[in-house]
Amino acid sequence: MAKIKKGLSDEDMLKGFSEDLTFENGMYADEKVRQSKIKAAKAPAKKELLLPEEAQERLNRFLLEISMEWLKNKNGNCTWKVLKENGQIVIKPVAVTKK
C-alpha cells in the first residue's frame, strides 16, 4: 500500500481520478460535460491535409501497399521523402539510417 503524501492540494490529490456515473453523482453530470469540453478545446488542433477524403483514402492505401512491398523485399524500416518534381508531388520510401 502506498503512503499518502502530506501537504498536497485538492487538485494534486485528485489527479488522474475519474468516477463512474451513478445515481448519487448523476445530478452533476452536466457540469462534468462542460468541463470536458473546455479541456478538449485546449487540445492541439490536428493538421489538415488539403485533399478530399476519397483522395486521402487512396493515398493511404497506396502508401500502405508500397510500405508492405518495401518490407517484403527486406529493405528494413523506411521513412517517406516528399519531393516536388516537374509540377508533381512525388512520395517515395527511403531507408531509415541508424544513428
PDB file of N, CA and C in Angstrom:
ATOM      1  N   MET A   1       0.841  -1.170   0.000  1.00  0.00           N
ATOM      2  CA  MET A   1       0.000   0.000   0.000  1.00  0.00           C
ATOM      3  C   MET A   1       0.889   1.237   0.000  1.00  0.00           C
ATOM      4  N   ALA A   2       0.568   2.223  -0.816  1.00  0.00           N
ATOM      5  CA  ALA A   2       1.368   3.437  -0.928  1.00  0.00           C
ATOM      6  C   ALA A   2       1.026   4.417   0.184  1.00  0.00           C
ATOM      7  N   LYS A   3       2.032   5.162   0.585  1.00  0.00           N
ATOM      8  CA  LYS A   3       1.806   6.202   1.588  1.00  0.00           C
ATOM      9  C   LYS A   3       1.177   7.402   0.926  1.00  0.00           C
ATOM     10  N   ILE A   4       0.344   8.101   1.689  1.00  0.00           N
ATOM     11  CA  ILE A   4      -0.276   9.320   1.198  1.00  0.00           C
ATOM     12  C   ILE A   4       0.630  10.482   1.563  1.00  0.00           C
ATOM     13  N   LYS A   5       1.005  11.261   0.557  1.00  0.00           N
ATOM     14  CA  LYS A   5       1.881  12.407   0.802  1.00  0.00           C
ATOM     15  C   LYS A   5       1.104  13.504   1.514  1.00  0.00           C
ATOM     16  N   LYS A   6       1.770  14.214   2.396  1.00  0.00           N
ATOM     17  CA  LYS A   6       1.145  15.309   3.129  1.00  0.00           C
ATOM     18  C   LYS A   6       1.346  16.609   2.382  1.00  0.00           C
ATOM     19  N   GLY A   7       0.425  17.550   2.597  1.00  0.00           N
ATOM     20  CA  GLY A   7       0.546  18.889   2.044  1.00  0.00           C
ATOM     21  C   GLY A   7       0.152  19.007   0.577  1.00  0.00           C
ATOM     22  N   LEU A   8      -0.558  18.029   0.011  1.00  0.00           N
ATOM     23  CA  LEU A   8      -0.987  18.100  -1.385  1.00  0.00           C
ATOM     24  C   LEU A   8      -2.229  18.978  -1.512  1.00  0.00           C
ATOM     25  N   SER A   9      -2.337  19.682  -2.624  1.00  0.00           N
ATOM     26  CA  SER A   9      -3.545  20.461  -2.880  1.00  0.00           C
ATOM     27  C   SER A   9      -4.652  19.503  -3.334  1.00  0.00           C
ATOM     28  N   ASP A  10      -5.886  19.997  -3.340  1.00  0.00           N
ATOM     29  CA  ASP A  10      -7.009  19.167  -3.801  1.00  0.00           C
ATOM     30  C   ASP A  10      -6.777  18.691  -5.226  1.00  0.00           C
ATOM     31  N   GLU A  11      -6.261  19.582  -6.070  1.00  0.00           N
ATOM     32  CA  GLU A  11      -6.024  19.232  -7.467  1.00  0.00           C
ATOM     33  C   GLU A  11      -4.998  18.103  -7.580  1.00  0.00           C
ATOM     34  N   ASP A  12      -3.923  18.174  -6.771  1.00  0.00           N
ATOM     35  CA  ASP A  12      -2.906  17.133  -6.799  1.00  0.00           C
ATOM     36  C   ASP A  12      -3.450  15.799  -6.303  1.00  0.00           C
ATOM     37  N   MET A  13      -4.311  15.841  -5.281  1.00  0.00           N
ATOM     38  CA  MET A  13      -4.869  14.604  -4.734  1.00  0.00           C
ATOM     39  C   MET A  13      -5.804  13.913  -5.722  1.00  0.00           C
ATOM     40  N   LEU A  14      -6.513  14.704  -6.535  1.00  0.00           N
ATOM     41  CA  LEU A  14      -7.497  14.131  -7.459  1.00  0.00           C
ATOM     42  C   LEU A  14      -6.944  13.934  -8.865  1.00  0.00           C
ATOM     43  N   LYS A  15      -5.648  14.159  -9.076  1.00  0.00           N
ATOM     44  CA  LYS A  15      -5.037  13.998 -10.391  1.00  0.00           C
ATOM     45  C   LYS A  15      -5.196  12.549 -10.849  1.00  0.00           C
ATOM     46  N   GLY A  16      -5.755  12.348 -12.043  1.00  0.00           N
ATOM     47  CA  GLY A  16      -5.929  11.008 -12.593  1.00  0.00           C
ATOM     48  C   GLY A  16      -7.166  10.285 -12.090  1.00  0.00           C
ATOM     49  N   PHE A  17      -7.968  10.904 -11.230  1.00  0.00           N
ATOM     50  CA  PHE A  17      -9.157  10.262 -10.677  1.00  0.00           C
ATOM     51  C   PHE A  17     -10.338  10.469 -11.614  1.00  0.00           C
ATOM     52  N   SER A  18     -11.059   9.387 -11.900  1.00  0.00           N
ATOM     53  CA  SER A  18     -12.308   9.510 -12.653  1.00  0.00           C
ATOM     54  C   SER A  18     -13.351   8.649 -11.957  1.00  0.00           C
ATOM     55  N   GLU A  19     -14.560   9.157 -11.896  1.00  0.00           N
ATOM     56  CA  GLU A  19     -15.627   8.493 -11.158  1.00  0.00           C
ATOM     57  C   GLU A  19     -16.694   7.998 -12.120  1.00  0.00           C
ATOM     58  N   ASP A  20     -17.166   6.774 -11.930  1.00  0.00           N
ATOM     59  CA  ASP A  20     -18.249   6.236 -12.749  1.00  0.00           C
ATOM     60  C   ASP A  20     -19.543   6.965 -12.422  1.00  0.00           C
ATOM     61  N   LEU A  21     -20.373   7.156 -13.452  1.00  0.00           N
ATOM     62  CA  LEU A  21     -21.644   7.840 -13.275  1.00  0.00           C
ATOM     63  C   LEU A  21     -22.618   6.917 -12.536  1.00  0.00           C
ATOM     64  N   THR A  22     -23.116   7.383 -11.390  1.00  0.00           N
ATOM     65  CA  THR A  22     -24.069   6.616 -10.583  1.00  0.00           C
ATOM     66  C   THR A  22     -25.243   7.517 -10.240  1.00  0.00           C
ATOM     67  N   PHE A  23     -26.220   6.946  -9.549  1.00  0.00           N
ATOM     68  CA  PHE A  23     -27.394   7.709  -9.130  1.00  0.00           C
ATOM     69  C   PHE A  23     -26.978   8.890  -8.243  1.00  0.00           C
ATOM     70  N   GLU A  24     -26.023   8.657  -7.350  1.00  0.00           N
ATOM     71  CA  GLU A  24     -25.628   9.693  -6.403  1.00  0.00           C
ATOM     72  C   GLU A  24     -24.952  10.881  -7.077  1.00  0.00           C
ATOM     73  N   ASN A  25     -24.124  10.622  -8.057  1.00  0.00           N
ATOM     74  CA  ASN A  25     -23.408  11.727  -8.687  1.00  0.00           C
ATOM     75  C   ASN A  25     -23.971  12.098 -10.060  1.00  0.00           C
ATOM     76  N   GLY A  26     -25.081  11.491 -10.465  1.00  0.00           N
ATOM     77  CA  GLY A  26     -25.679  11.741 -11.774  1.00  0.00           C
ATOM     78  C   GLY A  26     -26.190  13.153 -11.954  1.00  0.00           C
ATOM     79  N   MET A  27     -26.621  13.783 -10.858  1.00  0.00           N
ATOM     80  CA  MET A  27     -27.172  15.133 -10.983  1.00  0.00           C
ATOM     81  C   MET A  27     -26.100  16.138 -11.369  1.00  0.00           C
ATOM     82  N   TYR A  28     -24.838  15.791 -11.210  1.00  0.00           N
ATOM     83  CA  TYR A  28     -23.753  16.701 -11.564  1.00  0.00           C
ATOM     84  C   TYR A  28     -23.131  16.357 -12.916  1.00  0.00           C
ATOM     85  N   ALA A  29     -23.757  15.458 -13.655  1.00  0.00           N
ATOM     86  CA  ALA A  29     -23.194  15.005 -14.926  1.00  0.00           C
ATOM     87  C   ALA A  29     -23.032  16.150 -15.912  1.00  0.00           C
ATOM     88  N   ASP A  30     -23.958  17.114 -15.954  1.00  0.00           N
ATOM     89  CA  ASP A  30     -23.858  18.242 -16.885  1.00  0.00           C
ATOM     90  C   ASP A  30     -22.607  19.064 -16.631  1.00  0.00           C
ATOM     91  N   GLU A  31     -22.251  19.246 -15.377  1.00  0.00           N
ATOM     92  CA  GLU A  31     -21.060  20.020 -15.053  1.00  0.00           C
ATOM     93  C   GLU A  31     -19.815  19.320 -15.568  1.00  0.00           C
ATOM     94  N   LYS A  32     -19.746  18.000 -15.454  1.00  0.00           N
ATOM     95  CA  LYS A  32     -18.586  17.262 -15.929  1.00  0.00           C
ATOM     96  C   LYS A  32     -18.459  17.376 -17.442  1.00  0.00           C
ATOM     97  N   VAL A  33     -19.569  17.385 -18.143  1.00  0.00           N
ATOM     98  CA  VAL A  33     -19.532  17.512 -19.597  1.00  0.00           C
ATOM     99  C   VAL A  33     -18.983  18.879 -19.983  1.00  0.00           C
ATOM    100  N   ARG A  34     -19.410  19.903 -19.315  1.00  0.00           N
ATOM    101  CA  ARG A  34     -18.911  21.242 -19.608  1.00  0.00           C
ATOM    102  C   ARG A  34     -17.401  21.313 -19.370  1.00  0.00           C
ATOM    103  N   GLN A  35     -16.928  20.706 -18.294  1.00  0.00           N
ATOM    104  CA  GLN A  35     -15.501  20.722 -18.012  1.00  0.00           C
ATOM    105  C   GLN A  35     -14.728  19.979 -19.091  1.00  0.00           C
ATOM    106  N   SER A  36     -15.243  18.839 -19.548  1.00  0.00           N
ATOM    107  CA  SER A  36     -14.518  18.076 -20.550  1.00  0.00           C
ATOM    108  C   SER A  36     -14.473  18.814 -21.878  1.00  0.00           C
ATOM    109  N   LYS A  37     -15.503  19.598 -22.205  1.00  0.00           N
ATOM    110  CA  LYS A  37     -15.477  20.391 -23.435  1.00  0.00           C
ATOM    111  C   LYS A  37     -14.391  21.449 -23.360  1.00  0.00           C
ATOM    112  N   ILE A  38     -14.208  22.026 -22.192  1.00  0.00           N
ATOM    113  CA  ILE A  38     -13.176  23.037 -22.017  1.00  0.00           C
ATOM    114  C   ILE A  38     -11.804  22.394 -22.218  1.00  0.00           C
ATOM    115  N   LYS A  39     -11.576  21.234 -21.644  1.00  0.00           N
ATOM    116  CA  LYS A  39     -10.304  20.544 -21.802  1.00  0.00           C
ATOM    117  C   LYS A  39     -10.068  20.170 -23.262  1.00  0.00           C
ATOM    118  N   ALA A  40     -11.115  19.757 -23.967  1.00  0.00           N
ATOM    119  CA  ALA A  40     -10.972  19.385 -25.365  1.00  0.00           C
ATOM    120  C   ALA A  40     -10.607  20.586 -26.220  1.00  0.00           C
ATOM    121  N   ALA A  41     -11.091  21.766 -25.852  1.00  0.00           N
ATOM    122  CA  ALA A  41     -10.784  22.961 -26.622  1.00  0.00           C
ATOM    123  C   ALA A  41      -9.304  23.324 -26.519  1.00  0.00           C
ATOM    124  N   LYS A  42      -8.657  22.953 -25.437  1.00  0.00           N
ATOM    125  CA  LYS A  42      -7.251  23.264 -25.239  1.00  0.00           C
ATOM    126  C   LYS A  42      -6.346  22.284 -25.981  1.00  0.00           C
ATOM    127  N   ALA A  43      -6.883  21.161 -26.451  1.00  0.00           N
ATOM    128  CA  ALA A  43      -6.083  20.161 -27.149  1.00  0.00           C
ATOM    129  C   ALA A  43      -5.563  20.748 -28.456  1.00  0.00           C
ATOM    130  N   PRO A  44      -4.348  20.364 -28.868  1.00  0.00           N
ATOM    131  CA  PRO A  44      -3.805  20.903 -30.108  1.00  0.00           C
ATOM    132  C   PRO A  44      -4.642  20.457 -31.310  1.00  0.00           C
ATOM    133  N   ALA A  45      -4.831  21.366 -32.228  1.00  0.00           N
ATOM    134  CA  ALA A  45      -5.642  21.074 -33.413  1.00  0.00           C
ATOM    135  C   ALA A  45      -4.877  20.148 -34.351  1.00  0.00           C
ATOM    136  N   LYS A  46      -5.611  19.252 -34.995  1.00  0.00           N
ATOM    137  CA  LYS A  46      -4.982  18.358 -35.961  1.00  0.00           C
ATOM    138  C   LYS A  46      -4.636  19.151 -37.212  1.00  0.00           C
ATOM    139  N   LYS A  47      -3.529  18.762 -37.834  1.00  0.00           N
ATOM    140  CA  LYS A  47      -3.167  19.404 -39.090  1.00  0.00           C
ATOM    141  C   LYS A  47      -4.051  18.848 -40.183  1.00  0.00           C
ATOM    142  N   GLU A  48      -4.564  19.729 -41.002  1.00  0.00           N
ATOM    143  CA  GLU A  48      -5.491  19.335 -42.040  1.00  0.00           C
ATOM    144  C   GLU A  48      -4.726  19.049 -43.331  1.00  0.00           C
ATOM    145  N   LEU A  49      -5.060  17.954 -43.976  1.00  0.00           N
ATOM    146  CA  LEU A  49      -4.487  17.595 -45.259  1.00  0.00           C
ATOM    147  C   LEU A  49      -5.395  18.162 -46.340  1.00  0.00           C
ATOM    148  N   LEU A  50      -4.828  18.897 -47.270  1.00  0.00           N
ATOM    149  CA  LEU A  50      -5.624  19.601 -48.274  1.00  0.00           C
ATOM    150  C   LEU A  50      -6.006  18.701 -49.440  1.00  0.00           C
ATOM    151  N   LEU A  51      -6.600  17.567 -49.126  1.00  0.00           N
ATOM    152  CA  LEU A  51      -7.084  16.628 -50.128  1.00  0.00           C
ATOM    153  C   LEU A  51      -8.506  16.226 -49.770  1.00  0.00           C
ATOM    154  N   PRO A  52      -9.341  15.956 -50.765  1.00  0.00           N
ATOM    155  CA  PRO A  52     -10.669  15.419 -50.451  1.00  0.00           C
ATOM    156  C   PRO A  52     -10.524  14.066 -49.746  1.00  0.00           C
ATOM    157  N   GLU A  53     -11.530  13.694 -48.977  1.00  0.00           N
ATOM    158  CA  GLU A  53     -11.468  12.466 -48.183  1.00  0.00           C
ATOM    159  C   GLU A  53     -11.185  11.233 -49.047  1.00  0.00           C
ATOM    160  N   GLU A  54     -11.815  11.152 -50.214  1.00  0.00           N
ATOM    161  CA  GLU A  54     -11.604   9.996 -51.099  1.00  0.00           C
ATOM    162  C   GLU A  54     -10.145   9.915 -51.552  1.00  0.00           C
ATOM    163  N   ALA A  55      -9.540  11.061 -51.884  1.00  0.00           N
ATOM    164  CA  ALA A  55      -8.141  11.083 -52.304  1.00  0.00           C
ATOM    165  C   ALA A  55      -7.217  10.707 -51.140  1.00  0.00           C
ATOM    166  N   GLN A  56      -7.563  11.128 -49.922  1.00  0.00           N
ATOM    167  CA  GLN A  56      -6.768  10.765 -48.748  1.00  0.00           C
ATOM    168  C   GLN A  56      -6.786   9.254 -48.525  1.00  0.00           C
ATOM    169  N   GLU A  57      -7.971   8.641 -48.700  1.00  0.00           N
ATOM    170  CA  GLU A  57      -8.085   7.190 -48.527  1.00  0.00           C
ATOM    171  C   GLU A  57      -7.235   6.461 -49.554  1.00  0.00           C
ATOM    172  N   ARG A  58      -7.275   6.912 -50.815  1.00  0.00           N
ATOM    173  CA  ARG A  58      -6.472   6.283 -51.861  1.00  0.00           C
ATOM    174  C   ARG A  58      -4.984   6.463 -51.563  1.00  0.00           C
ATOM    175  N   LEU A  59      -4.582   7.662 -51.134  1.00  0.00           N
ATOM    176  CA  LEU A  59      -3.193   7.928 -50.804  1.00  0.00           C
ATOM    177  C   LEU A  59      -2.728   7.009 -49.677  1.00  0.00           C
ATOM    178  N   ASN A  60      -3.533   6.882 -48.626  1.00  0.00           N
ATOM    179  CA  ASN A  60      -3.176   5.999 -47.514  1.00  0.00           C
ATOM    180  C   ASN A  60      -3.054   4.549 -47.978  1.00  0.00           C
ATOM    181  N   ARG A  61      -3.952   4.111 -48.849  1.00  0.00           N
ATOM    182  CA  ARG A  61      -3.905   2.736 -49.359  1.00  0.00           C
ATOM    183  C   ARG A  61      -2.616   2.512 -50.155  1.00  0.00           C
ATOM    184  N   PHE A  62      -2.269   3.468 -51.024  1.00  0.00           N
ATOM    185  CA  PHE A  62      -1.054   3.342 -51.821  1.00  0.00           C
ATOM    186  C   PHE A  62       0.191   3.358 -50.942  1.00  0.00           C
ATOM    187  N   LEU A  63       0.211   4.220 -49.924  1.00  0.00           N
ATOM    188  CA  LEU A  63       1.350   4.263 -49.005  1.00  0.00           C
ATOM    189  C   LEU A  63       1.495   2.937 -48.264  1.00  0.00           C
ATOM    190  N   LEU A  64       0.385   2.351 -47.869  1.00  0.00           N
ATOM    191  CA  LEU A  64       0.417   1.067 -47.185  1.00  0.00           C
ATOM    192  C   LEU A  64       0.938  -0.027 -48.117  1.00  0.00           C
ATOM    193  N   GLU A  65       0.447  -0.047 -49.356  1.00  0.00           N
ATOM    194  CA  GLU A  65       0.912  -1.050 -50.324  1.00  0.00           C
ATOM    195  C   GLU A  65       2.411  -0.934 -50.561  1.00  0.00           C
ATOM    196  N   ILE A  66       2.898   0.284 -50.748  1.00  0.00           N
ATOM    197  CA  ILE A  66       4.321   0.474 -51.016  1.00  0.00           C
ATOM    198  C   ILE A  66       5.158   0.093 -49.802  1.00  0.00           C
ATOM    199  N   SER A  67       4.708   0.447 -48.601  1.00  0.00           N
ATOM    200  CA  SER A  67       5.473   0.090 -47.398  1.00  0.00           C
ATOM    201  C   SER A  67       5.473  -1.419 -47.183  1.00  0.00           C
ATOM    202  N   MET A  68       4.387  -2.109 -47.531  1.00  0.00           N
ATOM    203  CA  MET A  68       4.353  -3.571 -47.412  1.00  0.00           C
ATOM    204  C   MET A  68       5.323  -4.205 -48.413  1.00  0.00           C
ATOM    205  N   GLU A  69       5.362  -3.687 -49.644  1.00  0.00           N
ATOM    206  CA  GLU A  69       6.323  -4.179 -50.632  1.00  0.00           C
ATOM    207  C   GLU A  69       7.752  -3.943 -50.154  1.00  0.00           C
ATOM    208  N   TRP A  70       7.986  -2.778 -49.567  1.00  0.00           N
ATOM    209  CA  TRP A  70       9.311  -2.413 -49.050  1.00  0.00           C
ATOM    210  C   TRP A  70       9.751  -3.430 -47.996  1.00  0.00           C
ATOM    211  N   LEU A  71       8.851  -3.746 -47.067  1.00  0.00           N
ATOM    212  CA  LEU A  71       9.178  -4.709 -46.009  1.00  0.00           C
ATOM    213  C   LEU A  71       9.315  -6.132 -46.567  1.00  0.00           C
ATOM    214  N   LYS A  72       8.473  -6.479 -47.540  1.00  0.00           N
ATOM    215  CA  LYS A  72       8.538  -7.807 -48.146  1.00  0.00           C
ATOM    216  C   LYS A  72       9.889  -8.033 -48.819  1.00  0.00           C
ATOM    217  N   ASN A  73      10.456  -6.976 -49.400  1.00  0.00           N
ATOM    218  CA  ASN A  73      11.759  -7.071 -50.059  1.00  0.00           C
ATOM    219  C   ASN A  73      12.915  -6.957 -49.071  1.00  0.00           C
ATOM    220  N   LYS A  74      12.585  -6.977 -47.783  1.00  0.00           N
ATOM    221  CA  LYS A  74      13.567  -6.950 -46.686  1.00  0.00           C
ATOM    222  C   LYS A  74      14.498  -5.750 -46.763  1.00  0.00           C
ATOM    223  N   ASN A  75      13.927  -4.599 -47.035  1.00  0.00           N
ATOM    224  CA  ASN A  75      14.702  -3.364 -47.074  1.00  0.00           C
ATOM    225  C   ASN A  75      14.806  -2.703 -45.704  1.00  0.00           C
ATOM    226  N   GLY A  76      14.182  -3.258 -44.685  1.00  0.00           N
ATOM    227  CA  GLY A  76      14.207  -2.673 -43.345  1.00  0.00           C
ATOM    228  C   GLY A  76      13.158  -1.590 -43.186  1.00  0.00           C
ATOM    229  N   ASN A  77      13.303  -0.804 -42.140  1.00  0.00           N
ATOM    230  CA  ASN A  77      12.360   0.293 -41.896  1.00  0.00           C
ATOM    231  C   ASN A  77      12.569   1.402 -42.911  1.00  0.00           C
ATOM    232  N   CYS A  78      11.482   2.128 -43.182  1.00  0.00           N
ATOM    233  CA  CYS A  78      11.583   3.235 -44.134  1.00  0.00           C
ATOM    234  C   CYS A  78      10.862   4.455 -43.602  1.00  0.00           C
ATOM    235  N   THR A  79      11.209   5.581 -44.182  1.00  0.00           N
ATOM    236  CA  THR A  79      10.520   6.826 -43.932  1.00  0.00           C
ATOM    237  C   THR A  79      10.126   7.372 -45.302  1.00  0.00           C
ATOM    238  N   TRP A  80       9.288   8.387 -45.331  1.00  0.00           N
ATOM    239  CA  TRP A  80       8.790   8.903 -46.595  1.00  0.00           C
ATOM    240  C   TRP A  80       9.485  10.206 -46.956  1.00  0.00           C
ATOM    241  N   LYS A  81       9.970  10.287 -48.187  1.00  0.00           N
ATOM    242  CA  LYS A  81      10.564  11.509 -48.706  1.00  0.00           C
ATOM    243  C   LYS A  81       9.568  12.128 -49.678  1.00  0.00           C
ATOM    244  N   VAL A  82       9.253  13.400 -49.480  1.00  0.00           N
ATOM    245  CA  VAL A  82       8.273  14.093 -50.308  1.00  0.00           C
ATOM    246  C   VAL A  82       9.005  15.137 -51.142  1.00  0.00           C
ATOM    247  N   LEU A  83       8.831  15.047 -52.473  1.00  0.00           N
ATOM    248  CA  LEU A  83       9.505  15.948 -53.401  1.00  0.00           C
ATOM    249  C   LEU A  83       8.507  16.576 -54.362  1.00  0.00           C
ATOM    250  N   LYS A  84       8.875  17.722 -54.908  1.00  0.00           N
ATOM    251  CA  LYS A  84       8.084  18.343 -55.972  1.00  0.00           C
ATOM    252  C   LYS A  84       8.955  18.317 -57.217  1.00  0.00           C
ATOM    253  N   GLU A  85       8.511  17.563 -58.234  1.00  0.00           N
ATOM    254  CA  GLU A  85       9.275  17.419 -59.463  1.00  0.00           C
ATOM    255  C   GLU A  85       8.380  17.693 -60.667  1.00  0.00           C
ATOM    256  N   ASN A  86       8.753  18.650 -61.483  1.00  0.00           N
ATOM    257  CA  ASN A  86       8.031  18.969 -62.714  1.00  0.00           C
ATOM    258  C   ASN A  86       6.529  19.151 -62.488  1.00  0.00           C
ATOM    259  N   GLY A  87       6.172  19.896 -61.458  1.00  0.00           N
ATOM    260  CA  GLY A  87       4.765  20.165 -61.200  1.00  0.00           C
ATOM    261  C   GLY A  87       4.009  19.003 -60.577  1.00  0.00           C
ATOM    262  N   GLN A  88       4.709  17.966 -60.143  1.00  0.00           N
ATOM    263  CA  GLN A  88       4.079  16.811 -59.494  1.00  0.00           C
ATOM    264  C   GLN A  88       4.690  16.609 -58.117  1.00  0.00           C
ATOM    265  N   ILE A  89       3.907  16.021 -57.249  1.00  0.00           N
ATOM    266  CA  ILE A  89       4.392  15.674 -55.917  1.00  0.00           C
ATOM    267  C   ILE A  89       4.758  14.200 -55.938  1.00  0.00           C
ATOM    268  N   VAL A  90       5.989  13.889 -55.533  1.00  0.00           N
ATOM    269  CA  VAL A  90       6.482  12.514 -55.516  1.00  0.00           C
ATOM    270  C   VAL A  90       6.740  12.126 -54.071  1.00  0.00           C
ATOM    271  N   ILE A  91       6.164  10.993 -53.664  1.00  0.00           N
ATOM    272  CA  ILE A  91       6.374  10.461 -52.319  1.00  0.00           C
ATOM    273  C   ILE A  91       7.036   9.098 -52.490  1.00  0.00           C
ATOM    274  N   LYS A  92       8.244   8.941 -51.917  1.00  0.00           N
ATOM    275  CA  LYS A  92       8.924   7.658 -52.091  1.00  0.00           C
ATOM    276  C   LYS A  92       9.552   7.206 -50.772  1.00  0.00           C
ATOM    277  N   PRO A  93       9.656   5.878 -50.599  1.00  0.00           N
ATOM    278  CA  PRO A  93      10.252   5.359 -49.369  1.00  0.00           C
ATOM    279  C   PRO A  93      11.772   5.510 -49.405  1.00  0.00           C
ATOM    280  N   VAL A  94      12.344   5.792 -48.235  1.00  0.00           N
ATOM    281  CA  VAL A  94      13.781   5.927 -48.080  1.00  0.00           C
ATOM    282  C   VAL A  94      14.161   5.137 -46.840  1.00  0.00           C
ATOM    283  N   ALA A  95      15.254   4.397 -46.925  1.00  0.00           N
ATOM    284  CA  ALA A  95      15.703   3.596 -45.788  1.00  0.00           C
ATOM    285  C   ALA A  95      16.028   4.491 -44.597  1.00  0.00           C
ATOM    286  N   VAL A  96      15.633   4.040 -43.419  1.00  0.00           N
ATOM    287  CA  VAL A  96      15.916   4.763 -42.186  1.00  0.00           C
ATOM    288  C   VAL A  96      17.370   4.470 -41.813  1.00  0.00           C
ATOM    289  N   THR A  97      18.145   5.536 -41.635  1.00  0.00           N
ATOM    290  CA  THR A  97      19.539   5.340 -41.241  1.00  0.00           C
ATOM    291  C   THR A  97      19.630   5.289 -39.724  1.00  0.00           C
ATOM    292  N   LYS A  98      20.392   4.331 -39.234  1.00  0.00           N
ATOM    293  CA  LYS A  98      20.567   4.198 -37.781  1.00  0.00           C
ATOM    294  C   LYS A  98      21.639   5.169 -37.341  1.00  0.00           C
ATOM    295  N   LYS A  99      21.368   5.857 -36.218  1.00  0.00           N
ATOM    296  CA  LYS A  99      22.330   6.848 -35.703  1.00  0.00           C
ATOM    297  C   LYS A  99      23.132   6.266 -34.582  1.00  0.00           C
TER     298      LYS A  99
END
